[in-house]
Structure formats: C-alpha cells, structure tokens
C-alpha cells in the first residue's frame, strides 16, 4: 500500500511538472512569435505542444518531421495557391502531388501527415491572409526551438525512478511467490493449489514484460540527456535486477512443472519435501537489488536423492545449481 501511494505521488508530481513546463513553454513561444511580428502567433505554441514528446530523442524525431513536412507542404502549396481554384478536386490533386514528393524523401506516416496538414491549411488560409505561409514556417521553427530547449535543459524527462519502482515491486512479489512454492512443496504439491500458483507465476511473467517496457522507456529518456551520468549507473543496476528477476520467474515456472511430474512418478518422502521447501524458502530472499544479507547461494545438501530419483527432480536439482551459479555472477 505504501509503495502504491508513493508511486501515485511521484506520478502526480511528474505530470504536474510537465503540465507547468508545457504551459510556460507555450506562453514563451507565443510571446516570441508576437515579437517576431507574426500575424498568427498561435502556431508557435501549437508546435511546442506537439513537439514536447515523452523523451528528448522522441522530441527531436517528431520536430524534424514536423519542420520538414511543414517546409515541404508550405513551399509546394504556396506556388499552387494563385494558379489553382479552391475546391475539393484541386485540394485532392495538390495533396496527391505533394505527398508523392514527400514519400520520395521519407516514407514516414508522421512526415506524410505533417505535409498533408500544411497543404490543406495553406491552400485555404493563404488566400485569406497573405502572411499565413511564411508565418507557419517561422512559428513552427520558433515553437520547435523553444520545445527542444525546454525539454533538453529545463525539464529533461528521466524515467529511471519509475523503472526502479516497477522492478522493486516485482522483486517483492517474486520473493513471495517462492514462499508460496515452498509451502506448496512442503504440503506435498497438492493439485488443488497448483492452478493458483501457476496463475500467479504467469502474472509475474506478464508484469516482468511491463517492467522491461519501463526499462526501455527509461533508456530512451536518457538518450541525449545532458545530466545522465548518475542515472546511467542506476540503469545498469536496473538491468542486472531485470535479468535476475527473469531468471527467478523462469525457475518458478520450471520448478512447479517438474515437481508436479515428479510427484506423479514417485511421491517425495517427508525429508525430501522439507529439503525442497527449505531450498525455495532460501531462494525467496535472493531477489532484492543486492545479495548482501541474502541467504547463502548454495544448494541444500539434502537434495541428493536415492537411486530411483525421478528424472524431473534430477533436472530440478540441476536447474537449482545453475540458477544459484548465475545469481552469483550477477
């Protein structure tokens, strides 16, 4: 509950800061456009709002395509405005020709959309105001410049903390899943409880994929980030934690499957159940960011079985040794 409350507060602070930054940047862009003598100063904050994306890199990519599409659409349409009458067919013809040229330059949906938008707006508004075409190019440039300066130096996005929070929450749940696996094993692997355990592990797998997406977003947010040194180190730690959790969830899936088949083949005696339950309980403490204070990464000596050991338990013993060795290396 405390983690969820802290995450909610972080989200509120992040979005409040973004709203304030976007508002201030839009106001500054409008003022700069007015100072430049624009008759259409609203075009500058429109560019700010569109170009301030989730990360610096995404903002640069969007800005490049918006500026390129605007210049191409305005430039080619400006030449046709005086020569062609305004009706649906001439607009369609202008769009077809200009979009064909834009696709030669770059096959991008965003590039094509920005070009098309400029064609339609210039075709109509340039007739109403002789300044619209040049204003559109100039104010788009002003808005892009303001957006990139703000998002790169004033409020550069950094999603590292969100990734850390996702990983920490997942690590706690993986540890608890090992505890449930221990209880299930100690109770003789009852089939009635197997479905709930496998469902929990499947949910962990899905949440691991979400955590991986959070990590990808955090990596993207640090691309071209001017103050990234400390966050780079934290992201390396996050990458280790993500890989460790992947190993743990995969082990949980395999362990339950092997135990179910082993029990069906030759049921474990009480000492064997206790040994495996103890092993899983110890593994449950290994999923934090540091292994300092975690249980020793050594297999239970009593996991060795008699000659008729089911092949599934032999495989699980090997899986356990491999997992412990890989955790040591991480």
Protein backbone atom coordinates (compact mmCIF):
# COMPACT_ATOMS: atom_id res chain seq x y z
CA UNK A 1 0.00 0.00 0.00
CA UNK A 2 2.83 2.40 0.86
CA UNK A 3 4.59 1.65 -2.44
CA UNK A 4 1.40 2.30 -4.38
CA UNK A 5 0.85 5.59 -2.54
CA UNK A 6 4.45 6.68 -3.20
CA UNK A 7 4.11 5.77 -6.88
CA UNK A 8 0.90 7.80 -7.10
CA UNK A 9 2.59 10.82 -5.52
CA UNK A 10 5.53 10.53 -7.92
CA UNK A 11 3.15 10.36 -10.88
CA UNK A 12 1.24 13.43 -9.68
CA UNK A 13 4.49 15.40 -9.25
CA UNK A 14 5.78 14.30 -12.65
CA UNK A 15 2.62 15.21 -14.55
CA UNK A 16 2.16 18.46 -12.64
CA UNK A 17 5.71 19.45 -13.56
CA UNK A 18 5.12 18.53 -17.21
CA UNK A 19 1.87 20.50 -17.31
CA UNK A 20 3.58 23.55 -15.84
CA UNK A 21 6.53 23.25 -18.20
CA UNK A 22 4.32 22.82 -21.25
CA UNK A 23 2.23 25.83 -20.26
CA UNK A 24 5.25 28.06 -19.65
CA UNK A 25 6.94 26.97 -22.88
CA UNK A 26 3.77 27.60 -24.88
CA UNK A 27 3.44 31.08 -23.41
CA UNK A 28 7.09 31.87 -24.17
CA UNK A 29 6.69 30.65 -27.75
CA UNK A 30 3.60 32.83 -28.28
CA UNK A 31 5.45 35.88 -26.93
CA UNK A 32 8.45 35.22 -29.19
CA UNK A 33 6.18 34.81 -32.21
CA UNK A 34 4.46 38.13 -31.44
CA UNK A 35 7.83 39.82 -31.01
CA UNK A 36 8.84 38.49 -34.42
CA UNK A 37 5.83 40.25 -35.95
CA UNK A 38 3.66 37.20 -36.61
CA UNK A 39 0.03 37.59 -37.59
CA UNK A 40 -0.58 34.00 -36.41
CA UNK A 41 1.33 33.62 -33.11
CA UNK A 42 -0.81 30.64 -32.05
CA UNK A 43 1.19 28.45 -34.45
CA UNK A 44 4.25 28.61 -32.16
CA UNK A 45 2.61 27.11 -29.04
CA UNK A 46 0.92 24.52 -31.28
CA UNK A 47 4.41 23.39 -32.33
CA UNK A 48 5.53 23.36 -28.68
CA UNK A 49 2.59 21.20 -27.61
CA UNK A 50 3.14 18.71 -30.44
CA UNK A 51 6.94 18.54 -30.25
CA UNK A 52 7.37 18.09 -26.49
CA UNK A 53 7.28 14.29 -26.51
CA UNK A 54 7.99 11.71 -23.81
CA UNK A 55 11.78 11.82 -24.28
CA UNK A 56 14.38 14.16 -25.76
CA UNK A 57 15.10 11.73 -28.60
CA UNK A 58 11.43 11.33 -29.49
CA UNK A 59 11.01 15.13 -29.37
CA UNK A 60 13.89 15.59 -31.83
CA UNK A 61 12.49 12.97 -34.19
CA UNK A 62 9.00 14.50 -34.10
CA UNK A 63 10.39 18.03 -34.52
CA UNK A 64 12.46 17.05 -37.54
CA UNK A 65 9.46 15.55 -39.28
CA UNK A 66 7.14 18.40 -38.36
CA UNK A 67 9.59 21.01 -39.61
CA UNK A 68 10.39 19.06 -42.76
CA UNK A 69 6.75 18.33 -43.53
CA UNK A 70 5.79 21.95 -42.89
CA UNK A 71 8.50 23.38 -45.15
CA UNK A 72 7.74 20.91 -47.94
CA UNK A 73 3.96 21.34 -47.73
CA UNK A 74 4.09 25.13 -47.45
CA UNK A 75 6.71 25.57 -50.15
CA UNK A 76 4.99 23.48 -52.80
CA UNK A 77 1.45 24.61 -51.98
CA UNK A 78 2.39 28.30 -51.90
CA UNK A 79 3.33 28.03 -55.56
CA UNK A 80 -0.04 26.46 -56.46
CA UNK A 81 -2.36 28.75 -54.47
CA UNK A 82 -2.51 31.53 -57.03
CA UNK A 83 -2.67 29.21 -60.03
CA UNK A 84 -5.42 26.79 -58.91
CA UNK A 85 -9.01 27.47 -57.85
CA UNK A 86 -10.08 26.33 -54.40
CA UNK A 87 -12.31 23.25 -54.50
CA UNK A 88 -12.24 19.67 -53.36
CA UNK A 89 -10.64 18.33 -56.54
CA UNK A 90 -7.78 20.83 -56.60
CA UNK A 91 -7.07 20.15 -52.93
CA UNK A 92 -7.03 16.41 -53.64
CA UNK A 93 -4.72 16.93 -56.63
CA UNK A 94 -2.35 19.13 -54.62
CA UNK A 95 -2.28 16.59 -51.80
CA UNK A 96 -1.55 13.74 -54.20
CA UNK A 97 1.35 15.54 -55.86
CA UNK A 98 2.91 16.91 -52.68
CA UNK A 99 2.52 13.65 -50.75
CA UNK A 100 4.12 11.77 -53.65
CA UNK A 101 7.15 14.04 -53.38
CA UNK A 102 7.21 13.68 -49.58
CA UNK A 103 7.24 9.88 -49.86
CA UNK A 104 10.29 10.07 -52.10
CA UNK A 105 12.09 11.97 -49.33
CA UNK A 106 10.96 9.75 -46.44
CA UNK A 107 8.39 7.00 -46.03
CA UNK A 108 7.01 8.03 -42.66
CA UNK A 109 3.41 8.38 -41.55
CA UNK A 110 4.25 11.40 -39.40
CA UNK A 111 6.15 13.09 -42.24
CA UNK A 112 3.26 12.47 -44.62
CA UNK A 113 0.65 13.70 -42.12
CA UNK A 114 2.53 16.93 -41.36
CA UNK A 115 3.00 17.60 -45.06
CA UNK A 116 -0.68 17.00 -45.79
CA UNK A 117 -1.77 19.25 -42.93
CA UNK A 118 0.35 22.11 -44.28
CA UNK A 119 -1.05 21.64 -47.80
CA UNK A 120 -4.68 21.90 -46.68
CA UNK A 121 -4.15 24.84 -44.30
CA UNK A 122 -2.01 26.88 -46.69
CA UNK A 123 -4.38 26.21 -49.59
CA UNK A 124 -7.20 27.87 -47.67
CA UNK A 125 -5.64 30.34 -45.21
CA UNK A 126 -3.04 31.81 -47.55
CA UNK A 127 -5.95 33.20 -49.61
CA UNK A 128 -7.40 34.80 -46.50
CA UNK A 129 -4.13 36.13 -45.15
CA UNK A 130 -1.12 36.66 -47.35
CA UNK A 131 1.13 36.09 -44.33
CA UNK A 132 -0.01 32.62 -43.34
CA UNK A 133 2.52 30.57 -45.31
CA UNK A 134 5.60 32.40 -44.02
CA UNK A 135 4.11 32.64 -40.53
CA UNK A 136 3.53 28.89 -40.45
CA UNK A 137 7.15 28.12 -41.25
CA UNK A 138 8.58 30.75 -38.91
CA UNK A 139 6.32 30.00 -35.94
CA UNK A 140 6.84 26.28 -36.35
CA UNK A 141 10.59 26.89 -36.14
CA UNK A 142 10.14 29.10 -33.06
CA UNK A 143 7.93 26.53 -31.33
CA UNK A 144 10.33 23.69 -32.10
CA UNK A 145 13.30 25.66 -30.79
CA UNK A 146 11.50 26.50 -27.54
CA UNK A 147 10.26 22.93 -27.10
CA UNK A 148 13.71 21.38 -27.61
CA UNK A 149 15.48 23.87 -25.35
CA UNK A 150 12.98 23.30 -22.57
CA UNK A 151 12.82 19.52 -22.79
CA UNK A 152 16.59 19.17 -23.16
CA UNK A 153 17.82 21.60 -20.49
CA UNK A 154 14.97 22.91 -18.32
CA UNK A 155 12.90 19.77 -17.69
CA UNK A 156 14.61 16.77 -19.32
CA UNK A 157 12.49 13.64 -18.81
CA UNK A 158 14.04 10.87 -16.72
CA UNK A 159 12.07 7.65 -16.24
CA UNK A 160 14.77 5.86 -14.23
CA UNK A 161 12.91 6.17 -10.95
CA UNK A 162 9.72 4.72 -12.45
CA UNK A 163 11.69 1.74 -13.76
CA UNK A 164 13.26 1.21 -10.33
CA UNK A 165 9.89 1.27 -8.64
CA UNK A 166 8.47 -1.28 -11.09
CA UNK A 167 11.43 -3.59 -10.52
CA UNK A 168 11.35 -3.27 -6.74
CA UNK A 169 7.65 -4.11 -6.60
CA UNK A 170 8.16 -7.09 -8.89
CA UNK A 171 11.12 -8.32 -6.80
CA UNK A 172 8.95 -8.37 -3.67
CA UNK A 173 6.27 -10.38 -5.45
CA UNK A 174 8.80 -12.86 -6.84
CA UNK A 175 10.12 -13.40 -3.31
CA UNK A 176 6.59 -14.05 -2.04
CA UNK A 177 5.98 -16.48 -4.92
CA UNK A 178 8.98 -18.51 -3.82
CA UNK A 179 7.47 -18.57 -0.33
CA UNK A 180 4.21 -19.94 -1.75
CA UNK A 181 6.15 -22.51 -3.79
CA UNK A 182 7.87 -23.57 -0.57
CA UNK A 183 4.56 -24.01 1.25
CA UNK A 184 3.05 -25.88 -1.70
CA UNK A 185 6.04 -28.22 -1.89
CA UNK A 186 6.08 -28.85 1.85
CA UNK A 187 2.41 -29.80 1.65
CA UNK A 188 3.08 -32.46 -0.97
CA UNK A 189 2.36 -30.40 -4.13
CA UNK A 190 -1.45 -30.73 -3.91
CA UNK A 191 -3.06 -30.47 -7.38
CA UNK A 192 -5.88 -28.32 -5.94
CA UNK A 193 -3.42 -25.47 -5.27
CA UNK A 194 -1.34 -25.89 -8.42
CA UNK A 195 -3.58 -23.75 -10.64
CA UNK A 196 -3.46 -20.73 -8.31
CA UNK A 197 0.33 -20.95 -8.12
CA UNK A 198 0.76 -21.29 -11.88
CA UNK A 199 -1.61 -18.35 -12.42
CA UNK A 200 0.46 -16.23 -10.06
CA UNK A 201 3.66 -17.13 -11.88
CA UNK A 202 2.02 -16.33 -15.24
CA UNK A 203 1.04 -12.92 -13.87
CA UNK A 204 4.63 -12.38 -12.77
CA UNK A 205 5.78 -13.14 -16.31
CA UNK A 206 3.39 -10.53 -17.73
CA UNK A 207 4.48 -7.97 -15.12
CA UNK A 208 8.12 -8.69 -15.95
CA UNK A 209 7.36 -7.74 -19.55
CA UNK A 210 5.80 -4.48 -18.33
CA UNK A 211 8.89 -3.82 -16.21
CA UNK A 212 11.03 -4.46 -19.30
CA UNK A 213 8.97 -1.86 -21.17
CA UNK A 214 9.52 0.59 -18.30
CA UNK A 215 13.24 -0.10 -18.59
CA UNK A 216 13.13 0.59 -22.34
CA UNK A 217 11.35 3.89 -21.72
CA UNK A 218 13.94 4.79 -19.06
CA UNK A 219 16.76 4.00 -21.51
CA UNK A 220 15.09 6.15 -24.17
CA UNK A 221 14.63 9.01 -21.69
CA UNK A 222 18.40 9.06 -21.04
CA UNK A 223 19.30 9.22 -24.71
CA UNK A 224 20.88 12.67 -25.30
CA UNK A 225 20.08 13.56 -21.65
CA UNK A 226 22.51 16.28 -20.50
CA UNK A 227 22.56 15.16 -16.86
CA UNK A 228 22.62 11.39 -17.30
CA UNK A 229 25.80 10.26 -15.52
CA UNK A 230 24.21 9.26 -12.21
CA UNK A 231 21.17 7.79 -13.93
CA UNK A 232 23.36 5.67 -16.21
CA UNK A 233 24.79 3.90 -13.18
CA UNK A 234 21.30 3.33 -11.78
CA UNK A 235 20.14 1.94 -15.13
CA UNK A 236 22.98 -0.57 -15.14
CA UNK A 237 21.82 -1.73 -11.73
CA UNK A 238 18.25 -1.89 -13.04
CA UNK A 239 19.41 -4.04 -15.96
CA UNK A 240 21.03 -6.50 -13.56
CA UNK A 241 17.87 -6.59 -11.45
CA UNK A 242 15.69 -7.17 -14.53
CA UNK A 243 17.83 -10.10 -15.66
CA UNK A 244 17.85 -11.58 -12.17
CA UNK A 245 14.06 -11.42 -12.00
CA UNK A 246 13.79 -13.05 -15.41
CA UNK A 247 15.86 -15.97 -14.12
CA UNK A 248 13.75 -16.24 -10.98
CA UNK A 249 10.40 -16.27 -12.80
CA UNK A 250 11.65 -18.82 -15.33
CA UNK A 251 12.85 -21.01 -12.46
CA UNK A 252 9.47 -20.78 -10.75
CA UNK A 253 7.71 -21.95 -13.92
CA UNK A 254 10.07 -24.89 -14.41
CA UNK A 255 10.14 -25.84 -10.73
CA UNK A 256 6.39 -26.20 -10.40
CA UNK A 257 6.12 -28.19 -13.62
CA UNK A 258 8.94 -30.56 -12.61
CA UNK A 259 7.58 -31.05 -9.08
CA UNK A 260 4.11 -31.93 -10.36
CA UNK A 261 5.51 -34.58 -12.70
CA UNK A 262 7.94 -35.91 -10.08
CA UNK A 263 5.12 -36.35 -7.56
CA UNK A 264 3.07 -38.21 -10.13
CA UNK A 265 6.00 -40.52 -10.82
CA UNK A 266 7.42 -41.22 -7.31
CA UNK A 267 5.99 -39.18 -4.39
CA UNK A 268 8.57 -37.44 -2.22
CA UNK A 269 9.00 -38.54 1.38
CA UNK A 270 8.80 -36.05 4.25
CA UNK A 271 12.52 -35.33 4.39
CA UNK A 272 12.62 -34.58 0.66
CA UNK A 273 9.62 -32.27 0.88
CA UNK A 274 11.28 -30.43 3.78
CA UNK A 275 14.56 -30.13 1.87
CA UNK A 276 12.96 -28.64 -1.24
CA UNK A 277 10.68 -26.40 0.81
CA UNK A 278 13.77 -25.08 2.64
CA UNK A 279 15.57 -24.51 -0.67
CA UNK A 280 12.70 -22.50 -2.11
CA UNK A 281 12.35 -20.51 1.13
CA UNK A 282 16.01 -19.52 0.93
CA UNK A 283 15.68 -18.60 -2.74
CA UNK A 284 12.83 -16.31 -1.78
CA UNK A 285 15.32 -13.93 -0.17
CA UNK A 286 17.53 -13.53 -3.23
CA UNK A 287 15.57 -11.08 -5.38
CA UNK A 288 16.46 -7.68 -3.92
CA UNK A 289 18.88 -5.32 -5.62
CA UNK A 290 21.78 -6.65 -3.57
CA UNK A 291 22.58 -10.14 -2.39
CA UNK A 292 24.13 -8.67 0.77
CA UNK A 293 22.14 -10.13 3.65
CA UNK A 294 20.52 -12.72 1.36
CA UNK A 295 20.67 -16.44 2.20
CA UNK A 296 23.85 -18.28 1.11
CA UNK A 297 23.76 -19.14 -2.58
CA UNK A 298 24.46 -22.83 -2.04
CA UNK A 299 22.14 -25.76 -2.79
CA UNK A 300 20.69 -27.82 0.02
CA UNK A 301 22.97 -30.81 0.64
CA UNK A 302 19.93 -32.99 1.30
CA UNK A 303 18.58 -32.53 -2.22
CA UNK A 304 20.60 -35.56 -3.30
CA UNK A 305 18.16 -38.46 -3.67
CA UNK A 306 18.21 -42.20 -3.83
CA UNK A 307 18.89 -44.19 -6.96
CA UNK A 308 15.27 -44.11 -8.13
CA UNK A 309 15.17 -40.30 -8.12
CA UNK A 310 12.65 -39.22 -10.78
CA UNK A 311 14.23 -37.60 -13.80
CA UNK A 312 12.16 -34.46 -13.14
CA UNK A 313 13.73 -33.94 -9.72
CA UNK A 314 17.18 -34.62 -11.09
CA UNK A 315 16.53 -31.91 -13.67
CA UNK A 316 15.22 -29.57 -10.97
CA UNK A 317 18.37 -30.13 -8.92
CA UNK A 318 20.47 -29.16 -11.93
CA UNK A 319 18.22 -26.14 -12.56
CA UNK A 320 18.71 -25.06 -8.95
CA UNK A 321 22.50 -25.32 -9.14
CA UNK A 322 22.55 -23.41 -12.42
CA UNK A 323 20.31 -20.67 -11.01
CA UNK A 324 22.49 -20.23 -7.93
CA UNK A 325 25.65 -20.04 -10.05
CA UNK A 326 24.11 -17.43 -12.34
CA UNK A 327 22.92 -15.37 -9.38
CA UNK A 328 26.48 -15.35 -8.05
CA UNK A 329 27.72 -13.96 -11.37
CA UNK A 330 25.07 -11.22 -11.39
